[in-house]
PDB file of N, CA and C in Angstrom:
ATOM      1  N   UNK A   1      53.874 -50.510 -21.906  1.00  0.00           N
ATOM      2  CA  UNK A   1      54.669 -49.279 -21.575  1.00  0.00           C
ATOM      3  C   UNK A   1      55.824 -49.447 -19.689  1.00  0.00           C
ATOM      4  N   UNK A   2      56.262 -48.424 -19.591  1.00  0.00           N
ATOM      5  CA  UNK A   2      57.173 -48.311 -18.182  1.00  0.00           C
ATOM      6  C   UNK A   2      56.858 -47.216 -16.968  1.00  0.00           C
ATOM      7  N   UNK A   3      55.951 -48.662 -16.573  1.00  0.00           N
ATOM      8  CA  UNK A   3      55.230 -48.054 -15.115  1.00  0.00           C
ATOM      9  C   UNK A   3      55.765 -46.535 -14.099  1.00  0.00           C
ATOM     10  N   UNK A   4      57.018 -46.825 -14.763  1.00  0.00           N
ATOM     11  CA  UNK A   4      57.644 -45.756 -13.645  1.00  0.00           C
ATOM     12  C   UNK A   4      58.139 -44.419 -13.966  1.00  0.00           C
ATOM     13  N   UNK A   5      58.133 -44.499 -15.338  1.00  0.00           N
ATOM     14  CA  UNK A   5      57.908 -43.272 -16.046  1.00  0.00           C
ATOM     15  C   UNK A   5      56.332 -42.470 -16.209  1.00  0.00           C
ATOM     16  N   UNK A   6      55.414 -43.593 -16.204  1.00  0.00           N
ATOM     17  CA  UNK A   6      54.130 -43.219 -16.730  1.00  0.00           C
ATOM     18  C   UNK A   6      53.446 -42.871 -14.976  1.00  0.00           C
ATOM     19  N   UNK A   7      54.217 -43.616 -13.704  1.00  0.00           N
ATOM     20  CA  UNK A   7      53.559 -42.551 -12.661  1.00  0.00           C
ATOM     21  C   UNK A   7      54.512 -41.152 -12.466  1.00  0.00           C
ATOM     22  N   UNK A   8      55.387 -41.322 -12.733  1.00  0.00           N
ATOM     23  CA  UNK A   8      55.969 -39.982 -12.785  1.00  0.00           C
ATOM     24  C   UNK A   8      55.556 -38.844 -13.588  1.00  0.00           C
ATOM     25  N   UNK A   9      54.901 -39.164 -14.485  1.00  0.00           N
ATOM     26  CA  UNK A   9      54.331 -38.285 -15.193  1.00  0.00           C
ATOM     27  C   UNK A   9      52.913 -38.104 -14.263  1.00  0.00           C
ATOM     28  N   UNK A  10      52.473 -39.008 -14.236  1.00  0.00           N
ATOM     29  CA  UNK A  10      51.204 -39.106 -13.443  1.00  0.00           C
ATOM     30  C   UNK A  10      51.010 -37.684 -12.033  1.00  0.00           C
ATOM     31  N   UNK A  11      52.398 -38.677 -11.451  1.00  0.00           N
ATOM     32  CA  UNK A  11      52.811 -37.446  -9.746  1.00  0.00           C
ATOM     33  C   UNK A  11      52.815 -36.007 -10.206  1.00  0.00           C
ATOM     34  N   UNK A  12      54.116 -36.421 -11.038  1.00  0.00           N
ATOM     35  CA  UNK A  12      54.622 -34.642 -10.963  1.00  0.00           C
ATOM     36  C   UNK A  12      54.401 -34.162 -12.142  1.00  0.00           C
ATOM     37  N   UNK A  13      53.929 -34.517 -13.407  1.00  0.00           N
ATOM     38  CA  UNK A  13      53.780 -33.844 -14.673  1.00  0.00           C
ATOM     39  C   UNK A  13      52.480 -33.449 -14.592  1.00  0.00           C
ATOM     40  N   UNK A  14      51.385 -33.795 -14.101  1.00  0.00           N
ATOM     41  CA  UNK A  14      49.984 -34.298 -14.147  1.00  0.00           C
ATOM     42  C   UNK A  14      49.661 -32.574 -15.463  1.00  0.00           C
ATOM     43  N   UNK A  15      49.039 -32.514 -15.688  1.00  0.00           N
ATOM     44  CA  UNK A  15      48.209 -30.839 -16.061  1.00  0.00           C
ATOM     45  C   UNK A  15      47.906 -30.229 -15.823  1.00  0.00           C
ATOM     46  N   UNK A  16      47.551 -29.169 -16.301  1.00  0.00           N
ATOM     47  CA  UNK A  16      46.568 -28.034 -15.741  1.00  0.00           C
ATOM     48  C   UNK A  16      45.096 -28.554 -15.873  1.00  0.00           C
ATOM     49  N   UNK A  17      44.633 -28.934 -16.823  1.00  0.00           N
ATOM     50  CA  UNK A  17      43.158 -29.859 -17.095  1.00  0.00           C
ATOM     51  C   UNK A  17      43.203 -30.986 -15.786  1.00  0.00           C
ATOM     52  N   UNK A  18      44.168 -31.709 -15.642  1.00  0.00           N
ATOM     53  CA  UNK A  18      44.168 -32.690 -14.491  1.00  0.00           C
ATOM     54  C   UNK A  18      43.547 -32.234 -13.531  1.00  0.00           C
ATOM     55  N   UNK A  19      44.921 -31.361 -12.825  1.00  0.00           N
ATOM     56  CA  UNK A  19      44.768 -30.774 -11.836  1.00  0.00           C
ATOM     57  C   UNK A  19      43.596 -30.193 -11.510  1.00  0.00           C
ATOM     58  N   UNK A  20      42.319 -29.570 -12.829  1.00  0.00           N
ATOM     59  CA  UNK A  20      41.714 -28.783 -12.777  1.00  0.00           C
ATOM     60  C   UNK A  20      40.070 -29.829 -11.986  1.00  0.00           C
ATOM     61  N   UNK A  21      40.435 -30.581 -12.590  1.00  0.00           N
ATOM     62  CA  UNK A  21      39.082 -31.503 -12.058  1.00  0.00           C
ATOM     63  C   UNK A  21      39.327 -32.603 -11.000  1.00  0.00           C
ATOM     64  N   UNK A  22      40.474 -32.633 -10.858  1.00  0.00           N
ATOM     65  CA  UNK A  22      40.624 -33.531  -9.489  1.00  0.00           C
ATOM     66  C   UNK A  22      40.978 -33.465  -7.914  1.00  0.00           C
ATOM     67  N   UNK A  23      42.201 -32.046  -8.788  1.00  0.00           N
ATOM     68  CA  UNK A  23      42.937 -31.366  -7.489  1.00  0.00           C
ATOM     69  C   UNK A  23      43.995 -32.244  -7.434  1.00  0.00           C
ATOM     70  N   UNK A  24      45.299 -31.956  -6.290  1.00  0.00           N
ATOM     71  CA  UNK A  24      46.467 -32.540  -6.451  1.00  0.00           C
ATOM     72  C   UNK A  24      46.233 -33.849  -5.537  1.00  0.00           C
ATOM     73  N   UNK A  25      46.745 -35.017  -5.781  1.00  0.00           N
ATOM     74  CA  UNK A  25      47.492 -36.092  -4.831  1.00  0.00           C
ATOM     75  C   UNK A  25      46.756 -35.624  -3.472  1.00  0.00           C
ATOM     76  N   UNK A  26      48.198 -34.345  -2.829  1.00  0.00           N
ATOM     77  CA  UNK A  26      47.978 -34.291  -1.646  1.00  0.00           C
ATOM     78  C   UNK A  26      46.511 -33.295  -1.243  1.00  0.00           C
ATOM     79  N   UNK A  27      45.926 -32.681  -1.821  1.00  0.00           N
ATOM     80  CA  UNK A  27      44.759 -32.253  -1.719  1.00  0.00           C
ATOM     81  C   UNK A  27      43.843 -33.334  -1.173  1.00  0.00           C
ATOM     82  N   UNK A  28      43.553 -33.956  -2.418  1.00  0.00           N
ATOM     83  CA  UNK A  28      42.756 -34.859  -2.544  1.00  0.00           C
ATOM     84  C   UNK A  28      43.051 -36.380  -0.975  1.00  0.00           C
ATOM     85  N   UNK A  29      44.400 -36.645  -0.911  1.00  0.00           N
ATOM     86  CA  UNK A  29      44.405 -37.159   0.344  1.00  0.00           C
ATOM     87  C   UNK A  29      43.662 -36.380   1.900  1.00  0.00           C
ATOM     88  N   UNK A  30      44.319 -35.196   1.795  1.00  0.00           N
ATOM     89  CA  UNK A  30      43.682 -34.203   2.919  1.00  0.00           C
ATOM     90  C   UNK A  30      42.075 -34.499   3.102  1.00  0.00           C
ATOM     91  N   UNK A  31      41.431 -34.081   2.006  1.00  0.00           N
ATOM     92  CA  UNK A  31      39.886 -34.374   1.868  1.00  0.00           C
ATOM     93  C   UNK A  31      39.674 -35.674   2.219  1.00  0.00           C
ATOM     94  N   UNK A  32      40.161 -37.077   1.817  1.00  0.00           N
ATOM     95  CA  UNK A  32      39.657 -37.957   1.977  1.00  0.00           C
ATOM     96  C   UNK A  32      39.902 -38.201   3.809  1.00  0.00           C
ATOM     97  N   UNK A  33      40.972 -37.921   4.122  1.00  0.00           N
ATOM     98  CA  UNK A  33      41.459 -37.980   5.239  1.00  0.00           C
ATOM     99  C   UNK A  33      40.089 -37.452   6.259  1.00  0.00           C
ATOM    100  N   UNK A  34      40.143 -35.499   6.012  1.00  0.00           N
ATOM    101  CA  UNK A  34      39.405 -35.659   6.944  1.00  0.00           C
ATOM    102  C   UNK A  34      37.502 -36.156   6.389  1.00  0.00           C
ATOM    103  N   UNK A  35      37.071 -36.651   5.490  1.00  0.00           N
ATOM    104  CA  UNK A  35      36.064 -37.218   5.312  1.00  0.00           C
ATOM    105  C   UNK A  35      35.901 -38.510   5.668  1.00  0.00           C
ATOM    106  N   UNK A  36      36.628 -39.191   5.599  1.00  0.00           N
ATOM    107  CA  UNK A  36      36.890 -40.372   6.636  1.00  0.00           C
ATOM    108  C   UNK A  36      37.174 -40.344   8.179  1.00  0.00           C
ATOM    109  N   UNK A  37      37.295 -39.160   8.421  1.00  0.00           N
ATOM    110  CA  UNK A  37      37.775 -39.204  10.113  1.00  0.00           C
ATOM    111  C   UNK A  37      36.054 -39.021  10.584  1.00  0.00           C
ATOM    112  N   UNK A  38      35.627 -37.717   9.780  1.00  0.00           N
ATOM    113  CA  UNK A  38      34.399 -37.296  10.180  1.00  0.00           C
ATOM    114  C   UNK A  38      33.282 -38.539  10.231  1.00  0.00           C
ATOM    115  N   UNK A  39      33.689 -39.460   9.106  1.00  0.00           N
ATOM    116  CA  UNK A  39      32.784 -41.037   9.248  1.00  0.00           C
ATOM    117  C   UNK A  39      32.699 -41.727  10.143  1.00  0.00           C
ATOM    118  N   UNK A  40      34.186 -41.756  10.571  1.00  0.00           N
ATOM    119  CA  UNK A  40      34.009 -42.970  11.411  1.00  0.00           C
ATOM    120  C   UNK A  40      34.517 -42.584  13.197  1.00  0.00           C
ATOM    121  N   UNK A  41      34.862 -41.541  13.241  1.00  0.00           N
ATOM    122  CA  UNK A  41      35.824 -41.172  14.609  1.00  0.00           C
ATOM    123  C   UNK A  41      36.969 -41.243  14.699  1.00  0.00           C
ATOM    124  N   UNK A  42      37.601 -41.935  13.545  1.00  0.00           N
ATOM    125  CA  UNK A  42      38.892 -42.221  13.797  1.00  0.00           C
ATOM    126  C   UNK A  42      39.770 -40.437  13.776  1.00  0.00           C
ATOM    127  N   UNK A  43      40.912 -40.898  13.878  1.00  0.00           N
ATOM    128  CA  UNK A  43      42.078 -39.686  13.549  1.00  0.00           C
ATOM    129  C   UNK A  43      42.998 -40.178  12.343  1.00  0.00           C
ATOM    130  N   UNK A  44      42.969 -40.501  11.475  1.00  0.00           N
ATOM    131  CA  UNK A  44      44.087 -41.115  10.687  1.00  0.00           C
ATOM    132  C   UNK A  44      44.643 -39.537  10.470  1.00  0.00           C
ATOM    133  N   UNK A  45      45.473 -40.088   9.342  1.00  0.00           N
ATOM    134  CA  UNK A  45      46.182 -38.997   9.005  1.00  0.00           C
ATOM    135  C   UNK A  45      46.643 -38.675   7.612  1.00  0.00           C
ATOM    136  N   UNK A  46      46.792 -37.946   7.249  1.00  0.00           N
ATOM    137  CA  UNK A  46      46.894 -38.218   5.448  1.00  0.00           C
ATOM    138  C   UNK A  46      47.892 -39.306   5.347  1.00  0.00           C
ATOM    139  N   UNK A  47      49.266 -39.456   5.532  1.00  0.00           N
ATOM    140  CA  UNK A  47      49.951 -41.311   4.896  1.00  0.00           C
ATOM    141  C   UNK A  47      49.054 -41.864   5.267  1.00  0.00           C
ATOM    142  N   UNK A  48      48.033 -41.869   6.064  1.00  0.00           N
ATOM    143  CA  UNK A  48      47.334 -43.426   5.907  1.00  0.00           C
ATOM    144  C   UNK A  48      46.234 -43.564   5.217  1.00  0.00           C
ATOM    145  N   UNK A  49      45.993 -42.449   4.754  1.00  0.00           N
ATOM    146  CA  UNK A  49      45.313 -42.356   3.500  1.00  0.00           C
ATOM    147  C   UNK A  49      45.933 -42.948   2.263  1.00  0.00           C
ATOM    148  N   UNK A  50      47.447 -42.265   2.222  1.00  0.00           N
ATOM    149  CA  UNK A  50      47.904 -42.870   1.141  1.00  0.00           C
ATOM    150  C   UNK A  50      47.982 -44.847   0.639  1.00  0.00           C
ATOM    151  N   UNK A  51      48.908 -44.767   2.466  1.00  0.00           N
ATOM    152  CA  UNK A  51      48.844 -46.443   2.524  1.00  0.00           C
ATOM    153  C   UNK A  51      47.530 -46.866   1.971  1.00  0.00           C
ATOM    154  N   UNK A  52      46.019 -46.334   2.600  1.00  0.00           N
ATOM    155  CA  UNK A  52      45.296 -47.214   2.645  1.00  0.00           C
ATOM    156  C   UNK A  52      44.954 -47.414   0.882  1.00  0.00           C
ATOM    157  N   UNK A  53      45.409 -46.344   0.334  1.00  0.00           N
ATOM    158  CA  UNK A  53      45.130 -46.574  -0.938  1.00  0.00           C
ATOM    159  C   UNK A  53      46.119 -47.771  -1.942  1.00  0.00           C
ATOM    160  N   UNK A  54      47.342 -47.759  -1.527  1.00  0.00           N
ATOM    161  CA  UNK A  54      48.208 -48.314  -1.952  1.00  0.00           C
ATOM    162  C   UNK A  54      47.772 -50.042  -1.424  1.00  0.00           C
ATOM    163  N   UNK A  55      47.069 -50.406  -0.411  1.00  0.00           N
ATOM    164  CA  UNK A  55      46.680 -51.342   0.345  1.00  0.00           C
ATOM    165  C   UNK A  55      46.097 -51.858  -0.887  1.00  0.00           C
ATOM    166  N   UNK A  56      45.050 -50.758  -1.257  1.00  0.00           N
ATOM    167  CA  UNK A  56      43.825 -51.165  -2.461  1.00  0.00           C
ATOM    168  C   UNK A  56      44.131 -51.544  -3.524  1.00  0.00           C
ATOM    169  N   UNK A  57      45.641 -50.791  -4.190  1.00  0.00           N
ATOM    170  CA  UNK A  57      45.596 -51.292  -5.695  1.00  0.00           C
ATOM    171  C   UNK A  57      46.329 -52.738  -5.160  1.00  0.00           C
ATOM    172  N   UNK A  58      47.144 -52.901  -4.261  1.00  0.00           N
ATOM    173  CA  UNK A  58      48.402 -54.382  -3.837  1.00  0.00           C
ATOM    174  C   UNK A  58      47.204 -55.514  -3.545  1.00  0.00           C
ATOM    175  N   UNK A  59      46.145 -54.893  -3.209  1.00  0.00           N
ATOM    176  CA  UNK A  59      45.251 -56.395  -2.913  1.00  0.00           C
ATOM    177  C   UNK A  59      44.459 -56.437  -4.084  1.00  0.00           C
ATOM    178  N   UNK A  60      44.566 -55.973  -4.621  1.00  0.00           N
ATOM    179  CA  UNK A  60      43.005 -55.796  -6.162  1.00  0.00           C
ATOM    180  C   UNK A  60      44.729 -56.925  -7.710  1.00  0.00           C
ATOM    181  N   UNK A  61      45.833 -56.272  -6.834  1.00  0.00           N
ATOM    182  CA  UNK A  61      46.895 -57.026  -7.889  1.00  0.00           C
ATOM    183  C   UNK A  61      46.951 -58.118  -7.147  1.00  0.00           C
ATOM    184  N   UNK A  62      46.691 -58.890  -5.769  1.00  0.00           N
ATOM    185  CA  UNK A  62      46.615 -60.429  -5.529  1.00  0.00           C
ATOM    186  C   UNK A  62      45.388 -60.514  -6.034  1.00  0.00           C
ATOM    187  N   UNK A  63      44.118 -60.031  -6.021  1.00  0.00           N
ATOM    188  CA  UNK A  63      43.396 -61.054  -6.756  1.00  0.00           C
ATOM    189  C   UNK A  63      43.475 -61.611  -8.506  1.00  0.00           C
ATOM    190  N   UNK A  64      44.264 -60.206  -8.667  1.00  0.00           N
ATOM    191  CA  UNK A  64      44.273 -60.134 -10.352  1.00  0.00           C
ATOM    192  C   UNK A  64      45.197 -59.164 -11.224  1.00  0.00           C
ATOM    193  N   UNK A  65      46.319 -59.802 -11.227  1.00  0.00           N
ATOM    194  CA  UNK A  65      47.234 -58.953 -12.175  1.00  0.00           C
ATOM    195  C   UNK A  65      46.813 -57.833 -13.267  1.00  0.00           C
ATOM    196  N   UNK A  66      47.084 -56.821 -13.299  1.00  0.00           N
ATOM    197  CA  UNK A  66      46.645 -55.715 -14.260  1.00  0.00           C
ATOM    198  C   UNK A  66      47.709 -54.727 -13.879  1.00  0.00           C
ATOM    199  N   UNK A  67      48.424 -54.825 -15.007  1.00  0.00           N
ATOM    200  CA  UNK A  67      49.357 -53.113 -15.253  1.00  0.00           C
ATOM    201  C   UNK A  67      48.698 -52.084 -14.875  1.00  0.00           C
ATOM    202  N   UNK A  68      47.871 -51.574 -14.853  1.00  0.00           N
ATOM    203  CA  UNK A  68      47.055 -50.295 -14.062  1.00  0.00           C
ATOM    204  C   UNK A  68      47.109 -50.529 -12.258  1.00  0.00           C
ATOM    205  N   UNK A  69      46.920 -51.652 -11.909  1.00  0.00           N
ATOM    206  CA  UNK A  69      47.155 -51.870 -10.551  1.00  0.00           C
ATOM    207  C   UNK A  69      48.532 -51.292  -9.870  1.00  0.00           C
ATOM    208  N   UNK A  70      49.431 -52.030 -10.922  1.00  0.00           N
ATOM    209  CA  UNK A  70      51.236 -52.131 -10.093  1.00  0.00           C
ATOM    210  C   UNK A  70      51.493 -50.056 -10.574  1.00  0.00           C
ATOM    211  N   UNK A  71      50.602 -49.899 -11.794  1.00  0.00           N
ATOM    212  CA  UNK A  71      50.906 -48.186 -12.301  1.00  0.00           C
ATOM    213  C   UNK A  71      50.394 -47.426 -10.967  1.00  0.00           C
ATOM    214  N   UNK A  72      49.313 -47.496 -10.585  1.00  0.00           N
ATOM    215  CA  UNK A  72      48.584 -46.816  -9.578  1.00  0.00           C
ATOM    216  C   UNK A  72      49.582 -47.055  -8.319  1.00  0.00           C
ATOM    217  N   UNK A  73      49.615 -48.078  -7.914  1.00  0.00           N
ATOM    218  CA  UNK A  73      50.480 -48.712  -6.631  1.00  0.00           C
ATOM    219  C   UNK A  73      51.735 -47.224  -7.003  1.00  0.00           C
ATOM    220  N   UNK A  74      52.434 -47.768  -7.417  1.00  0.00           N
ATOM    221  CA  UNK A  74      53.681 -46.797  -8.041  1.00  0.00           C
ATOM    222  C   UNK A  74      53.585 -45.074  -7.600  1.00  0.00           C
ATOM    223  N   UNK A  75      52.454 -44.922  -8.363  1.00  0.00           N
ATOM    224  CA  UNK A  75      51.791 -43.514  -7.923  1.00  0.00           C
ATOM    225  C   UNK A  75      51.937 -43.239  -7.117  1.00  0.00           C
ATOM    226  N   UNK A  76      50.804 -43.907  -5.914  1.00  0.00           N
ATOM    227  CA  UNK A  76      50.400 -43.684  -4.753  1.00  0.00           C
ATOM    228  C   UNK A  76      51.718 -43.344  -4.181  1.00  0.00           C
ATOM    229  N   UNK A  77      52.538 -44.250  -3.704  1.00  0.00           N
ATOM    230  CA  UNK A  77      54.219 -44.535  -3.597  1.00  0.00           C
ATOM    231  C   UNK A  77      54.878 -43.048  -3.638  1.00  0.00           C
ATOM    232  N   UNK A  78      55.111 -42.328  -5.140  1.00  0.00           N
ATOM    233  CA  UNK A  78      55.878 -41.360  -5.199  1.00  0.00           C
ATOM    234  C   UNK A  78      55.008 -40.550  -4.751  1.00  0.00           C
ATOM    235  N   UNK A  79      53.576 -39.780  -4.935  1.00  0.00           N
ATOM    236  CA  UNK A  79      52.739 -38.657  -4.778  1.00  0.00           C
ATOM    237  C   UNK A  79      53.055 -38.863  -2.646  1.00  0.00           C
ATOM    238  N   UNK A  80      53.319 -39.862  -2.181  1.00  0.00           N
ATOM    239  CA  UNK A  80      53.283 -40.090  -0.650  1.00  0.00           C
ATOM    240  C   UNK A  80      54.451 -39.240  -0.648  1.00  0.00           C
ATOM    241  N   UNK A  81      55.548 -40.281  -1.083  1.00  0.00           N
ATOM    242  CA  UNK A  81      57.343 -39.476  -0.875  1.00  0.00           C
ATOM    243  C   UNK A  81      57.126 -37.444  -2.009  1.00  0.00           C
ATOM    244  N   UNK A  82      55.993 -37.434  -2.346  1.00  0.00           N
ATOM    245  CA  UNK A  82      56.227 -35.593  -2.498  1.00  0.00           C
ATOM    246  C   UNK A  82      55.703 -35.357  -1.103  1.00  0.00           C
ATOM    247  N   UNK A  83      54.417 -35.899  -0.536  1.00  0.00           N
ATOM    248  CA  UNK A  83      53.778 -35.136   0.408  1.00  0.00           C
ATOM    249  C   UNK A  83      54.764 -35.220   1.309  1.00  0.00           C
ATOM    250  N   UNK A  84      55.531 -36.662   1.743  1.00  0.00           N
ATOM    251  CA  UNK A  84      56.000 -36.559   3.254  1.00  0.00           C
ATOM    252  C   UNK A  84      57.402 -35.659   3.217  1.00  0.00           C
ATOM    253  N   UNK A  85      57.917 -35.450   1.456  1.00  0.00           N
ATOM    254  CA  UNK A  85      59.472 -34.352   1.692  1.00  0.00           C
ATOM    255  C   UNK A  85      58.688 -33.159   1.916  1.00  0.00           C
ATOM    256  N   UNK A  86      57.299 -32.405   1.875  1.00  0.00           N
ATOM    257  CA  UNK A  86      56.981 -31.199   2.212  1.00  0.00           C
ATOM    258  C   UNK A  86      56.698 -30.584   3.267  1.00  0.00           C
ATOM    259  N   UNK A  87      56.280 -31.588   4.236  1.00  0.00           N
ATOM    260  CA  UNK A  87      55.947 -31.346   6.158  1.00  0.00           C
ATOM    261  C   UNK A  87      57.603 -30.633   6.185  1.00  0.00           C
TER     262      UNK A  87
END
């Protein structure tokens, strides 16, 4: 599998069914930010949430190589780029 092509499919070519189930990356990260900030009192940004998920995937990769870790990391980077470009 080409993880770059697959990440592009996940981030930019998600099906309507997938969007109905989970919402967009950006909407999910906005919700995650709001929940995290309410739980902790911190004031993290949506970009921070993308970076936290990227860090999680890289920490898992450090522990054990799995292609899915890298795919998800690339997908989070692509989604972060899309989010930043929409601002």
